[in-house]
Protein backbone atom coordinates (compact mmCIF):
# COMPACT_ATOMS: atom_id res chain seq x y z
CA MET A 1 0.00 0.00 0.00
CA PRO A 2 1.52 3.38 -0.95
CA ALA A 3 2.34 5.85 1.79
CA ARG A 4 -0.05 8.73 2.23
CA PRO A 5 1.20 12.16 1.10
CA LEU A 6 2.78 14.30 3.78
CA SER A 7 1.24 17.60 4.78
CA THR A 8 3.33 20.76 4.73
CA TRP A 9 3.53 20.64 8.53
CA GLU A 10 4.79 17.03 8.51
CA MET A 11 7.39 17.84 5.85
CA ALA A 12 8.61 20.88 7.78
CA TRP A 13 8.72 18.89 11.02
CA ARG A 14 10.76 16.05 9.49
CA LEU A 15 13.22 18.47 7.92
CA THR A 16 13.56 20.44 11.17
CA VAL A 17 14.20 17.30 13.22
CA ARG A 18 16.74 15.89 10.75
CA TRP A 19 18.65 19.16 10.33
CA THR A 20 18.67 19.71 14.11
CA ALA A 21 20.05 16.20 14.65
CA THR A 22 22.73 16.82 12.03
CA MET A 23 23.74 20.12 13.65
CA VAL A 24 23.94 18.47 17.08
CA MET A 25 26.06 15.65 15.64
CA SER A 26 28.29 18.25 13.98
CA GLY A 27 28.78 19.94 17.34
CA PHE A 28 29.74 16.64 18.98
CA LEU A 29 32.15 15.88 16.14
CA GLY A 30 33.72 19.34 16.43
CA PHE A 31 34.16 18.90 20.19
CA ALA A 32 35.63 15.41 19.70
CA ILE A 33 38.13 16.71 17.15
CA TRP A 34 39.13 19.53 19.48
CA SER A 35 39.45 17.10 22.39
CA ALA A 36 41.54 14.64 20.36
CA VAL A 37 43.89 17.39 19.21
CA VAL A 38 44.32 18.92 22.67
CA THR A 39 44.88 15.62 24.51
CA PRO A 40 45.95 13.01 21.97
CA SER A 41 45.67 9.33 22.87
CA SER A 42 44.80 6.21 20.91
CA ARG A 43 41.45 5.95 22.68
CA ASP A 44 40.49 9.49 21.64
CA TRP A 45 41.17 8.74 17.98
CA SER A 46 39.09 5.55 17.98
CA ALA A 47 36.20 7.42 19.60
CA LEU A 48 36.68 10.16 17.02
CA LEU A 49 36.41 7.62 14.19
CA GLU A 50 33.20 6.18 15.68
CA LEU A 51 31.72 9.65 16.08
CA GLY A 52 32.76 10.55 12.53
CA ALA A 53 30.97 7.47 11.20
CA GLY A 54 27.84 8.42 13.15
CA TRP A 55 28.05 11.96 11.82
CA ALA A 56 28.42 10.72 8.23
CA GLY A 57 25.36 8.50 8.71
CA SER A 58 23.38 11.43 10.10
CA VAL A 59 24.37 13.62 7.15
CA LEU A 60 23.41 10.93 4.63
CA LEU A 61 20.06 10.40 6.34
CA THR A 62 19.44 14.15 6.44
CA VAL A 63 20.21 14.53 2.74
CA GLY A 64 17.99 11.55 1.91
CA VAL A 65 15.07 12.84 3.96
CA THR A 66 15.48 16.34 2.51
CA ILE A 67 15.43 15.02 -1.06
CA ALA A 68 12.44 12.76 -0.35
CA VAL A 69 10.44 15.53 1.30
CA LEU A 70 11.24 18.18 -1.29
CA ARG A 71 10.43 16.00 -4.32
CA SER A 72 7.21 17.08 -5.93
CA PRO A 73 4.16 14.87 -5.39
CA ARG A 74 3.70 14.70 -9.19
CA ALA A 75 7.15 13.17 -9.62
CA ARG A 76 6.27 10.51 -7.05
CA ARG A 77 3.03 9.63 -8.85
CA ARG A 78 4.76 9.39 -12.24
CA GLY A 79 7.66 7.31 -10.91
């Protein structure tokens, strides 16, 4: 069964939540980079790699949700 079309409010809400999550993840990544540079240790770098992977996943999800939400409903019906 096809998904029902999203209202403008639902689209705006999804985009706001995704972009907020991405900005928060970016802040954590920035802090982790700063922390790893200031006090280098092997543990810091492994945590930094894990956080970087989580950030990359968040960015990819945000881009995917943004593209899906901004696509026109006509393009979805034709596809």
